[in-house]
Amino acid sequence: PARLPPECLSAPSITVAVVSRWGLWCGVVAGPLLVTVLVGQAL
């Protein structure tokens, strides 16, 4: 994509971005997991 700066296209940067993205997805699902199990347990 033309709008990405060159430094974002290097292999190390892309690798860090991919690893970070997986870690961030962990943060996305953590809250819903806890609340869903809590509600399920309560019911």
PDB file of all heavy atoms in Angstrom:
ATOM      1  N   PRO A   1       0.835  -1.192   0.000  1.00  0.00           N
ATOM      2  CA  PRO A   1       0.000   0.000   0.000  1.00  0.00           C
ATOM      3  C   PRO A   1       0.875   1.248   0.000  1.00  0.00           C
ATOM      4  O   PRO A   1       1.808   1.372   0.794  1.00  0.00           O
ATOM      5  CB  PRO A   1      -0.793  -0.121   1.316  1.00  0.00           C
ATOM      6  CG  PRO A   1      -0.748  -1.576   1.641  1.00  0.00           C
ATOM      7  CD  PRO A   1       0.569  -2.060   1.140  1.00  0.00           C
ATOM      8  N   ALA A   2       0.596   2.185  -0.881  1.00  0.00           N
ATOM      9  CA  ALA A   2       1.430   3.372  -1.034  1.00  0.00           C
ATOM     10  C   ALA A   2       1.459   4.229   0.217  1.00  0.00           C
ATOM     11  O   ALA A   2       2.405   4.962   0.459  1.00  0.00           O
ATOM     12  CB  ALA A   2       0.919   4.206  -2.212  1.00  0.00           C
ATOM     13  N   ARG A   3       0.430   4.169   1.029  1.00  0.00           N
ATOM     14  CA  ARG A   3       0.355   5.055   2.177  1.00  0.00           C
ATOM     15  C   ARG A   3       1.214   4.587   3.348  1.00  0.00           C
ATOM     16  O   ARG A   3       1.369   5.302   4.327  1.00  0.00           O
ATOM     17  CB  ARG A   3      -1.083   5.198   2.656  1.00  0.00           C
ATOM     18  CG  ARG A   3      -1.724   3.939   3.166  1.00  0.00           C
ATOM     19  CD  ARG A   3      -3.210   4.171   3.375  1.00  0.00           C
ATOM     20  NE  ARG A   3      -3.878   3.026   3.943  1.00  0.00           N
ATOM     21  CZ  ARG A   3      -3.952   2.763   5.223  1.00  0.00           C
ATOM     22  NH1 ARG A   3      -3.371   3.564   6.087  1.00  0.00           N
ATOM     23  NH2 ARG A   3      -4.600   1.725   5.668  1.00  0.00           N
ATOM     24  N   LEU A   4       1.806   3.373   3.301  1.00  0.00           N
ATOM     25  CA  LEU A   4       2.670   2.907   4.377  1.00  0.00           C
ATOM     26  C   LEU A   4       4.082   3.435   4.183  1.00  0.00           C
ATOM     27  O   LEU A   4       4.630   3.364   3.087  1.00  0.00           O
ATOM     28  CB  LEU A   4       2.725   1.381   4.413  1.00  0.00           C
ATOM     29  CG  LEU A   4       1.503   0.670   4.995  1.00  0.00           C
ATOM     30  CD1 LEU A   4       1.714  -0.836   4.904  1.00  0.00           C
ATOM     31  CD2 LEU A   4       1.264   1.083   6.423  1.00  0.00           C
ATOM     32  N   PRO A   5       4.705   3.980   5.229  1.00  0.00           N
ATOM     33  CA  PRO A   5       6.093   4.429   5.118  1.00  0.00           C
ATOM     34  C   PRO A   5       7.012   3.242   4.907  1.00  0.00           C
ATOM     35  O   PRO A   5       6.711   2.121   5.310  1.00  0.00           O
ATOM     36  CB  PRO A   5       6.352   5.094   6.480  1.00  0.00           C
ATOM     37  CG  PRO A   5       5.380   4.455   7.405  1.00  0.00           C
ATOM     38  CD  PRO A   5       4.161   4.169   6.580  1.00  0.00           C
ATOM     39  N   PRO A   6       8.173   3.447   4.247  1.00  0.00           N
ATOM     40  CA  PRO A   6       9.085   2.341   3.929  1.00  0.00           C
ATOM     41  C   PRO A   6       9.506   1.535   5.142  1.00  0.00           C
ATOM     42  O   PRO A   6       9.673   0.330   5.060  1.00  0.00           O
ATOM     43  CB  PRO A   6      10.283   3.060   3.288  1.00  0.00           C
ATOM     44  CG  PRO A   6       9.723   4.332   2.759  1.00  0.00           C
ATOM     45  CD  PRO A   6       8.651   4.731   3.722  1.00  0.00           C
ATOM     46  N   GLU A   7       9.735   2.233   6.305  1.00  0.00           N
ATOM     47  CA  GLU A   7      10.208   1.513   7.466  1.00  0.00           C
ATOM     48  C   GLU A   7       9.214   0.484   7.975  1.00  0.00           C
ATOM     49  O   GLU A   7       9.576  -0.432   8.726  1.00  0.00           O
ATOM     50  CB  GLU A   7      10.553   2.487   8.612  1.00  0.00           C
ATOM     51  CG  GLU A   7       9.379   3.348   9.063  1.00  0.00           C
ATOM     52  CD  GLU A   7       9.333   4.667   8.322  1.00  0.00           C
ATOM     53  OE1 GLU A   7       9.896   4.737   7.219  1.00  0.00           O
ATOM     54  OE2 GLU A   7       8.741   5.623   8.848  1.00  0.00           O
ATOM     55  N   CYS A   8       7.936   0.608   7.618  1.00  0.00           N
ATOM     56  CA  CYS A   8       6.915  -0.352   8.054  1.00  0.00           C
ATOM     57  C   CYS A   8       6.923  -1.615   7.188  1.00  0.00           C
ATOM     58  O   CYS A   8       6.217  -2.568   7.482  1.00  0.00           O
ATOM     59  CB  CYS A   8       5.527   0.284   8.010  1.00  0.00           C
ATOM     60  SG  CYS A   8       5.275   1.533   9.281  1.00  0.00           S
ATOM     61  N   LEU A   9       7.708  -1.560   6.084  1.00  0.00           N
ATOM     62  CA  LEU A   9       7.674  -2.671   5.149  1.00  0.00           C
ATOM     63  C   LEU A   9       8.841  -3.623   5.340  1.00  0.00           C
ATOM     64  O   LEU A   9       8.951  -4.618   4.643  1.00  0.00           O
ATOM     65  CB  LEU A   9       7.707  -2.130   3.708  1.00  0.00           C
ATOM     66  CG  LEU A   9       6.588  -1.136   3.380  1.00  0.00           C
ATOM     67  CD1 LEU A   9       6.696  -0.704   1.933  1.00  0.00           C
ATOM     68  CD2 LEU A   9       5.226  -1.737   3.664  1.00  0.00           C
ATOM     69  N   SER A  10       9.732  -3.337   6.266  1.00  0.00           N
ATOM     70  CA  SER A  10      10.868  -4.219   6.499  1.00  0.00           C
ATOM     71  C   SER A  10      10.403  -5.493   7.184  1.00  0.00           C
ATOM     72  O   SER A  10       9.397  -5.500   7.888  1.00  0.00           O
ATOM     73  CB  SER A  10      11.910  -3.525   7.373  1.00  0.00           C
ATOM     74  OG  SER A  10      11.383  -3.264   8.648  1.00  0.00           O
ATOM     75  N   ALA A  11      11.152  -6.586   6.983  1.00  0.00           N
ATOM     76  CA  ALA A  11      10.766  -7.870   7.570  1.00  0.00           C
ATOM     77  C   ALA A  11      10.648  -7.812   9.079  1.00  0.00           C
ATOM     78  O   ALA A  11       9.674  -8.320   9.641  1.00  0.00           O
ATOM     79  CB  ALA A  11      11.767  -8.948   7.152  1.00  0.00           C
ATOM     80  N   PRO A  12      11.615  -7.203   9.818  1.00  0.00           N
ATOM     81  CA  PRO A  12      11.477  -7.140  11.269  1.00  0.00           C
ATOM     82  C   PRO A  12      10.237  -6.409  11.708  1.00  0.00           C
ATOM     83  O   PRO A  12       9.548  -6.811  12.638  1.00  0.00           O
ATOM     84  CB  PRO A  12      12.758  -6.418  11.719  1.00  0.00           C
ATOM     85  CG  PRO A  12      13.740  -6.658  10.607  1.00  0.00           C
ATOM     86  CD  PRO A  12      12.909  -6.661   9.371  1.00  0.00           C
ATOM     87  N   SER A  13       9.906  -5.292  11.031  1.00  0.00           N
ATOM     88  CA  SER A  13       8.728  -4.520  11.419  1.00  0.00           C
ATOM     89  C   SER A  13       7.453  -5.307  11.206  1.00  0.00           C
ATOM     90  O   SER A  13       6.534  -5.283  12.014  1.00  0.00           O
ATOM     91  CB  SER A  13       8.678  -3.206  10.622  1.00  0.00           C
ATOM     92  OG  SER A  13       9.777  -2.383  10.936  1.00  0.00           O
ATOM     93  N   ILE A  14       7.409  -6.021  10.080  1.00  0.00           N
ATOM     94  CA  ILE A  14       6.224  -6.817   9.785  1.00  0.00           C
ATOM     95  C   ILE A  14       6.087  -7.942  10.799  1.00  0.00           C
ATOM     96  O   ILE A  14       4.991  -8.238  11.286  1.00  0.00           O
ATOM     97  CB  ILE A  14       6.307  -7.384   8.350  1.00  0.00           C
ATOM     98  CG1 ILE A  14       6.223  -6.233   7.333  1.00  0.00           C
ATOM     99  CG2 ILE A  14       5.185  -8.386   8.102  1.00  0.00           C
ATOM    100  CD1 ILE A  14       6.483  -6.665   5.916  1.00  0.00           C
ATOM    101  N   THR A  15       7.210  -8.590  11.169  1.00  0.00           N
ATOM    102  CA  THR A  15       7.171  -9.670  12.148  1.00  0.00           C
ATOM    103  C   THR A  15       6.664  -9.166  13.491  1.00  0.00           C
ATOM    104  O   THR A  15       5.805  -9.799  14.115  1.00  0.00           O
ATOM    105  CB  THR A  15       8.576 -10.273  12.333  1.00  0.00           C
ATOM    106  OG1 THR A  15       9.020 -10.782  11.077  1.00  0.00           O
ATOM    107  CG2 THR A  15       8.539 -11.408  13.345  1.00  0.00           C
ATOM    108  N   VAL A  16       7.183  -8.031  13.950  1.00  0.00           N
ATOM    109  CA  VAL A  16       6.733  -7.455  15.211  1.00  0.00           C
ATOM    110  C   VAL A  16       5.257  -7.128  15.151  1.00  0.00           C
ATOM    111  O   VAL A  16       4.504  -7.362  16.098  1.00  0.00           O
ATOM    112  CB  VAL A  16       7.557  -6.192  15.547  1.00  0.00           C
ATOM    113  CG1 VAL A  16       6.931  -5.448  16.715  1.00  0.00           C
ATOM    114  CG2 VAL A  16       8.992  -6.565  15.873  1.00  0.00           C
ATOM    115  N   ALA A  17       4.817  -6.589  14.006  1.00  0.00           N
ATOM    116  CA  ALA A  17       3.404  -6.226  13.860  1.00  0.00           C
ATOM    117  C   ALA A  17       2.513  -7.458  13.949  1.00  0.00           C
ATOM    118  O   ALA A  17       1.455  -7.422  14.583  1.00  0.00           O
ATOM    119  CB  ALA A  17       3.183  -5.512  12.532  1.00  0.00           C
ATOM    120  N   VAL A  18       2.942  -8.564  13.319  1.00  0.00           N
ATOM    121  CA  VAL A  18       2.138  -9.790  13.342  1.00  0.00           C
ATOM    122  C   VAL A  18       2.059 -10.351  14.763  1.00  0.00           C
ATOM    123  O   VAL A  18       0.982 -10.724  15.248  1.00  0.00           O
ATOM    124  CB  VAL A  18       2.738 -10.839  12.384  1.00  0.00           C
ATOM    125  CG1 VAL A  18       2.051 -12.182  12.571  1.00  0.00           C
ATOM    126  CG2 VAL A  18       2.600 -10.379  10.941  1.00  0.00           C
ATOM    127  N   VAL A  19       3.207 -10.410  15.458  1.00  0.00           N
ATOM    128  CA  VAL A  19       3.223 -10.910  16.834  1.00  0.00           C
ATOM    129  C   VAL A  19       2.372 -10.026  17.728  1.00  0.00           C
ATOM    130  O   VAL A  19       1.591 -10.503  18.557  1.00  0.00           O
ATOM    131  CB  VAL A  19       4.681 -10.984  17.364  1.00  0.00           C
ATOM    132  CG1 VAL A  19       4.680 -11.310  18.849  1.00  0.00           C
ATOM    133  CG2 VAL A  19       5.476 -12.012  16.586  1.00  0.00           C
ATOM    134  N   SER A  20       2.517  -8.704  17.554  1.00  0.00           N
ATOM    135  CA  SER A  20       1.737  -7.771  18.364  1.00  0.00           C
ATOM    136  C   SER A  20       0.249  -7.923  18.098  1.00  0.00           C
ATOM    137  O   SER A  20      -0.566  -7.847  19.016  1.00  0.00           O
ATOM    138  CB  SER A  20       2.177  -6.326  18.077  1.00  0.00           C
ATOM    139  OG  SER A  20       3.511  -6.117  18.464  1.00  0.00           O
ATOM    140  N   ARG A  21      -0.099  -8.144  16.836  1.00  0.00           N
ATOM    141  CA  ARG A  21      -1.516  -8.294  16.499  1.00  0.00           C
ATOM    142  C   ARG A  21      -2.120  -9.497  17.218  1.00  0.00           C
ATOM    143  O   ARG A  21      -3.250  -9.424  17.716  1.00  0.00           O
ATOM    144  CB  ARG A  21      -1.675  -8.424  14.978  1.00  0.00           C
ATOM    145  CG  ARG A  21      -3.122  -8.433  14.525  1.00  0.00           C
ATOM    146  CD  ARG A  21      -3.234  -8.310  13.017  1.00  0.00           C
ATOM    147  NE  ARG A  21      -3.012  -6.935  12.579  1.00  0.00           N
ATOM    148  CZ  ARG A  21      -1.943  -6.507  11.934  1.00  0.00           C
ATOM    149  NH1 ARG A  21      -0.963  -7.355  11.642  1.00  0.00           N
ATOM    150  NH2 ARG A  21      -1.819  -5.253  11.570  1.00  0.00           N
ATOM    151  N   TRP A  22      -1.395 -10.590  17.294  1.00  0.00           N
ATOM    152  CA  TRP A  22      -1.890 -11.766  18.012  1.00  0.00           C
ATOM    153  C   TRP A  22      -2.058 -11.451  19.497  1.00  0.00           C
ATOM    154  O   TRP A  22      -3.031 -11.855  20.127  1.00  0.00           O
ATOM    155  CB  TRP A  22      -0.942 -12.948  17.821  1.00  0.00           C
ATOM    156  CG  TRP A  22      -1.176 -13.697  16.537  1.00  0.00           C
ATOM    157  CD1 TRP A  22      -0.416 -13.646  15.409  1.00  0.00           C
ATOM    158  CD2 TRP A  22      -2.254 -14.580  16.236  1.00  0.00           C
ATOM    159  NE1 TRP A  22      -0.943 -14.444  14.424  1.00  0.00           N
ATOM    160  CE2 TRP A  22      -2.078 -15.027  14.912  1.00  0.00           C
ATOM    161  CE3 TRP A  22      -3.357 -15.040  16.956  1.00  0.00           C
ATOM    162  CZ2 TRP A  22      -2.959 -15.917  14.291  1.00  0.00           C
ATOM    163  CZ3 TRP A  22      -4.243 -15.932  16.349  1.00  0.00           C
ATOM    164  CH2 TRP A  22      -4.037 -16.354  15.028  1.00  0.00           C
ATOM    165  N   GLY A  23      -1.087 -10.732  20.056  1.00  0.00           N
ATOM    166  CA  GLY A  23      -1.190 -10.351  21.462  1.00  0.00           C
ATOM    167  C   GLY A  23      -2.374  -9.445  21.727  1.00  0.00           C
ATOM    168  O   GLY A  23      -3.053  -9.570  22.749  1.00  0.00           O
ATOM    169  N   LEU A  24      -2.627  -8.538  20.788  1.00  0.00           N
ATOM    170  CA  LEU A  24      -3.755  -7.630  20.960  1.00  0.00           C
ATOM    171  C   LEU A  24      -5.087  -8.363  20.843  1.00  0.00           C
ATOM    172  O   LEU A  24      -6.054  -8.025  21.531  1.00  0.00           O
ATOM    173  CB  LEU A  24      -3.672  -6.499  19.929  1.00  0.00           C
ATOM    174  CG  LEU A  24      -2.451  -5.590  20.056  1.00  0.00           C
ATOM    175  CD1 LEU A  24      -2.493  -4.499  18.993  1.00  0.00           C
ATOM    176  CD2 LEU A  24      -2.367  -4.976  21.445  1.00  0.00           C
ATOM    177  N   TRP A  25      -5.134  -9.377  19.982  1.00  0.00           N
ATOM    178  CA  TRP A  25      -6.358 -10.174  19.900  1.00  0.00           C
ATOM    179  C   TRP A  25      -6.631 -10.905  21.209  1.00  0.00           C
ATOM    180  O   TRP A  25      -7.782 -11.121  21.584  1.00  0.00           O
ATOM    181  CB  TRP A  25      -6.294 -11.159  18.732  1.00  0.00           C
ATOM    182  CG  TRP A  25      -6.705 -10.566  17.424  1.00  0.00           C
ATOM    183  CD1 TRP A  25      -5.944 -10.369  16.321  1.00  0.00           C
ATOM    184  CD2 TRP A  25      -8.007 -10.055  17.096  1.00  0.00           C
ATOM    185  NE1 TRP A  25      -6.673  -9.763  15.331  1.00  0.00           N
ATOM    186  CE2 TRP A  25      -7.937  -9.559  15.780  1.00  0.00           C
ATOM    187  CE3 TRP A  25      -9.206  -9.947  17.797  1.00  0.00           C
ATOM    188  CZ2 TRP A  25      -9.031  -8.984  15.146  1.00  0.00           C
ATOM    189  CZ3 TRP A  25     -10.299  -9.377  17.165  1.00  0.00           C
ATOM    190  CH2 TRP A  25     -10.211  -8.904  15.858  1.00  0.00           C
ATOM    191  N   CYS A  26      -5.554 -11.254  21.910  1.00  0.00           N
ATOM    192  CA  CYS A  26      -5.733 -11.852  23.233  1.00  0.00           C
ATOM    193  C   CYS A  26      -6.456 -10.864  24.151  1.00  0.00           C
ATOM    194  O   CYS A  26      -7.328 -11.247  24.943  1.00  0.00           O
ATOM    195  CB  CYS A  26      -4.372 -12.224  23.838  1.00  0.00           C
ATOM    196  SG  CYS A  26      -3.577 -13.643  23.056  1.00  0.00           S
ATOM    197  N   GLY A  27      -6.086  -9.583  24.055  1.00  0.00           N
ATOM    198  CA  GLY A  27      -6.756  -8.564  24.851  1.00  0.00           C
ATOM    199  C   GLY A  27      -8.207  -8.359  24.449  1.00  0.00           C
ATOM    200  O   GLY A  27      -9.065  -8.078  25.289  1.00  0.00           O
ATOM    201  N   VAL A  28      -8.481  -8.527  23.166  1.00  0.00           N
ATOM    202  CA  VAL A  28      -9.860  -8.355  22.679  1.00  0.00           C
ATOM    203  C   VAL A  28     -10.784  -9.421  23.255  1.00  0.00           C
ATOM    204  O   VAL A  28     -11.911  -9.132  23.663  1.00  0.00           O
ATOM    205  CB  VAL A  28      -9.895  -8.400  21.134  1.00  0.00           C
ATOM    206  CG1 VAL A  28     -11.340  -8.441  20.628  1.00  0.00           C
ATOM    207  CG2 VAL A  28      -9.175  -7.185  20.549  1.00  0.00           C
ATOM    208  N   VAL A  29     -10.311 -10.668  23.303  1.00  0.00           N
ATOM    209  CA  VAL A  29     -11.183 -11.771  23.721  1.00  0.00           C
ATOM    210  C   VAL A  29     -11.190 -11.998  25.235  1.00  0.00           C
ATOM    211  O   VAL A  29     -12.084 -12.676  25.750  1.00  0.00           O
ATOM    212  CB  VAL A  29     -10.788 -13.085  23.016  1.00  0.00           C
ATOM    213  CG1 VAL A  29     -10.822 -12.925  21.514  1.00  0.00           C
ATOM    214  CG2 VAL A  29      -9.401 -13.549  23.460  1.00  0.00           C
ATOM    215  N   ALA A  30     -10.207 -11.451  25.941  1.00  0.00           N
ATOM    216  CA  ALA A  30     -10.107 -11.713  27.386  1.00  0.00           C
ATOM    217  C   ALA A  30     -11.353 -11.279  28.144  1.00  0.00           C
ATOM    218  O   ALA A  30     -11.930 -12.048  28.935  1.00  0.00           O
ATOM    219  CB  ALA A  30      -8.874 -11.012  27.965  1.00  0.00           C
ATOM    220  N   GLY A  31     -11.788 -10.039  27.925  1.00  0.00           N
ATOM    221  CA  GLY A  31     -12.961  -9.525  28.635  1.00  0.00           C
ATOM    222  C   GLY A  31     -14.233 -10.292  28.340  1.00  0.00           C
ATOM    223  O   GLY A  31     -14.925 -10.750  29.261  1.00  0.00           O
ATOM    224  N   PRO A  32     -14.581 -10.464  27.043  1.00  0.00           N
ATOM    225  CA  PRO A  32     -15.787 -11.220  26.717  1.00  0.00           C
ATOM    226  C   PRO A  32     -15.767 -12.653  27.256  1.00  0.00           C
ATOM    227  O   PRO A  32     -16.804 -13.182  27.661  1.00  0.00           O
ATOM    228  CB  PRO A  32     -15.801 -11.214  25.182  1.00  0.00           C
ATOM    229  CG  PRO A  32     -15.086  -9.957  24.824  1.00  0.00           C
ATOM    230  CD  PRO A  32     -14.006  -9.822  25.857  1.00  0.00           C
ATOM    231  N   LEU A  33     -14.583 -13.282  27.264  1.00  0.00           N
ATOM    232  CA  LEU A  33     -14.486 -14.637  27.800  1.00  0.00           C
ATOM    233  C   LEU A  33     -14.870 -14.659  29.269  1.00  0.00           C
ATOM    234  O   LEU A  33     -15.685 -15.496  29.700  1.00  0.00           O
ATOM    235  CB  LEU A  33     -13.055 -15.159  27.635  1.00  0.00           C
ATOM    236  CG  LEU A  33     -12.744 -16.477  28.357  1.00  0.00           C
ATOM    237  CD1 LEU A  33     -13.558 -17.619  27.753  1.00  0.00           C
ATOM    238  CD2 LEU A  33     -11.246 -16.788  28.293  1.00  0.00           C
ATOM    239  N   LEU A  34     -14.293 -13.754  30.054  1.00  0.00           N
ATOM    240  CA  LEU A  34     -14.570 -13.719  31.483  1.00  0.00           C
ATOM    241  C   LEU A  34     -16.043 -13.445  31.765  1.00  0.00           C
ATOM    242  O   LEU A  34     -16.671 -14.132  32.584  1.00  0.00           O
ATOM    243  CB  LEU A  34     -13.705 -12.642  32.143  1.00  0.00           C
ATOM    244  CG  LEU A  34     -13.860 -12.485  33.659  1.00  0.00           C
ATOM    245  CD1 LEU A  34     -13.512 -13.794  34.374  1.00  0.00           C
ATOM    246  CD2 LEU A  34     -12.989 -11.343  34.170  1.00  0.00           C
ATOM    247  N   VAL A  35     -16.606 -12.462  31.074  1.00  0.00           N
ATOM    248  CA  VAL A  35     -17.997 -12.084  31.318  1.00  0.00           C
ATOM    249  C   VAL A  35     -18.950 -13.185  30.842  1.00  0.00           C
ATOM    250  O   VAL A  35     -19.943 -13.496  31.512  1.00  0.00           O
ATOM    251  CB  VAL A  35     -18.329 -10.752  30.616  1.00  0.00           C
ATOM    252  CG1 VAL A  35     -19.817 -10.437  30.736  1.00  0.00           C
ATOM    253  CG2 VAL A  35     -17.505  -9.617  31.219  1.00  0.00           C
ATOM    254  N   THR A  36     -18.657 -13.794  29.697  1.00  0.00           N
ATOM    255  CA  THR A  36     -19.525 -14.849  29.165  1.00  0.00           C
ATOM    256  C   THR A  36     -19.586 -16.042  30.111  1.00  0.00           C
ATOM    257  O   THR A  36     -20.668 -16.584  30.392  1.00  0.00           O
ATOM    258  CB  THR A  36     -19.023 -15.313  27.787  1.00  0.00           C
ATOM    259  OG1 THR A  36     -19.058 -14.214  26.875  1.00  0.00           O
ATOM    260  CG2 THR A  36     -19.904 -16.442  27.249  1.00  0.00           C
ATOM    261  N   VAL A  37     -18.415 -16.455  30.612  1.00  0.00           N
ATOM    262  CA  VAL A  37     -18.390 -17.588  31.550  1.00  0.00           C
ATOM    263  C   VAL A  37     -19.095 -17.207  32.842  1.00  0.00           C
ATOM    264  O   VAL A  37     -19.828 -18.022  33.426  1.00  0.00           O
ATOM    265  CB  VAL A  37     -16.942 -18.026  31.832  1.00  0.00           C
ATOM    266  CG1 VAL A  37     -16.922 -19.091  32.926  1.00  0.00           C
ATOM    267  CG2 VAL A  37     -16.298 -18.570  30.567  1.00  0.00           C
ATOM    268  N   LEU A  38     -18.904 -15.972  33.295  1.00  0.00           N
ATOM    269  CA  LEU A  38     -19.578 -15.517  34.512  1.00  0.00           C
ATOM    270  C   LEU A  38     -21.093 -15.581  34.367  1.00  0.00           C
ATOM    271  O   LEU A  38     -21.795 -16.107  35.247  1.00  0.00           O
ATOM    272  CB  LEU A  38     -19.148 -14.087  34.843  1.00  0.00           C
ATOM    273  CG  LEU A  38     -19.905 -13.395  35.983  1.00  0.00           C
ATOM    274  CD1 LEU A  38     -19.733 -14.154  37.284  1.00  0.00           C
ATOM    275  CD2 LEU A  38     -19.436 -11.953  36.128  1.00  0.00           C
ATOM    276  N   VAL A  39     -21.593 -15.075  33.245  1.00  0.00           N
ATOM    277  CA  VAL A  39     -23.040 -15.107  33.004  1.00  0.00           C
ATOM    278  C   VAL A  39     -23.527 -16.545  32.893  1.00  0.00           C
ATOM    279  O   VAL A  39     -24.575 -16.923  33.454  1.00  0.00           O
ATOM    280  CB  VAL A  39     -23.386 -14.317  31.725  1.00  0.00           C
ATOM    281  CG1 VAL A  39     -24.862 -14.508  31.363  1.00  0.00           C
ATOM    282  CG2 VAL A  39     -23.088 -12.834  31.914  1.00  0.00           C
ATOM    283  N   GLY A  40     -22.766 -17.377  32.169  1.00  0.00           N
ATOM    284  CA  GLY A  40     -23.156 -18.771  32.023  1.00  0.00           C
ATOM    285  C   GLY A  40     -23.186 -19.503  33.356  1.00  0.00           C
ATOM    286  O   GLY A  40     -24.111 -20.270  33.631  1.00  0.00           O
ATOM    287  N   GLN A  41     -22.181 -19.241  34.195  1.00  0.00           N
ATOM    288  CA  GLN A  41     -22.136 -19.848  35.520  1.00  0.00           C
ATOM    289  C   GLN A  41     -23.326 -19.396  36.369  1.00  0.00           C
ATOM    290  O   GLN A  41     -23.931 -20.188  37.110  1.00  0.00           O
ATOM    291  CB  GLN A  41     -20.836 -19.459  36.224  1.00  0.00           C
ATOM    292  CG  GLN A  41     -19.605 -20.153  35.684  1.00  0.00           C
ATOM    293  CD  GLN A  41     -19.352 -21.467  36.395  1.00  0.00           C
ATOM    294  OE1 GLN A  41     -20.053 -22.450  36.187  1.00  0.00           O
ATOM    295  NE2 GLN A  41     -18.352 -21.470  37.252  1.00  0.00           N
ATOM    296  N   ALA A  42     -23.641 -18.088  36.275  1.00  0.00           N
ATOM    297  CA  ALA A  42     -24.747 -17.543  37.067  1.00  0.00           C
ATOM    298  C   ALA A  42     -26.079 -18.175  36.649  1.00  0.00           C
ATOM    299  O   ALA A  42     -26.936 -18.473  37.494  1.00  0.00           O
ATOM    300  CB  ALA A  42     -24.806 -16.032  36.905  1.00  0.00           C
ATOM    301  N   LEU A  43     -26.242 -18.387  35.345  1.00  0.00           N
ATOM    302  CA  LEU A  43     -27.485 -18.990  34.859  1.00  0.00           C
ATOM    303  C   LEU A  43     -27.533 -20.480  35.178  1.00  0.00           C
ATOM    304  O   LEU A  43     -28.612 -21.037  35.442  1.00  0.00           O
ATOM    305  CB  LEU A  43     -27.604 -18.776  33.342  1.00  0.00           C
ATOM    306  CG  LEU A  43     -27.768 -17.327  32.876  1.00  0.00           C
ATOM    307  CD1 LEU A  43     -27.765 -17.257  31.349  1.00  0.00           C
ATOM    308  CD2 LEU A  43     -29.058 -16.719  33.429  1.00  0.00           C
TER     309      LEU A  43
END
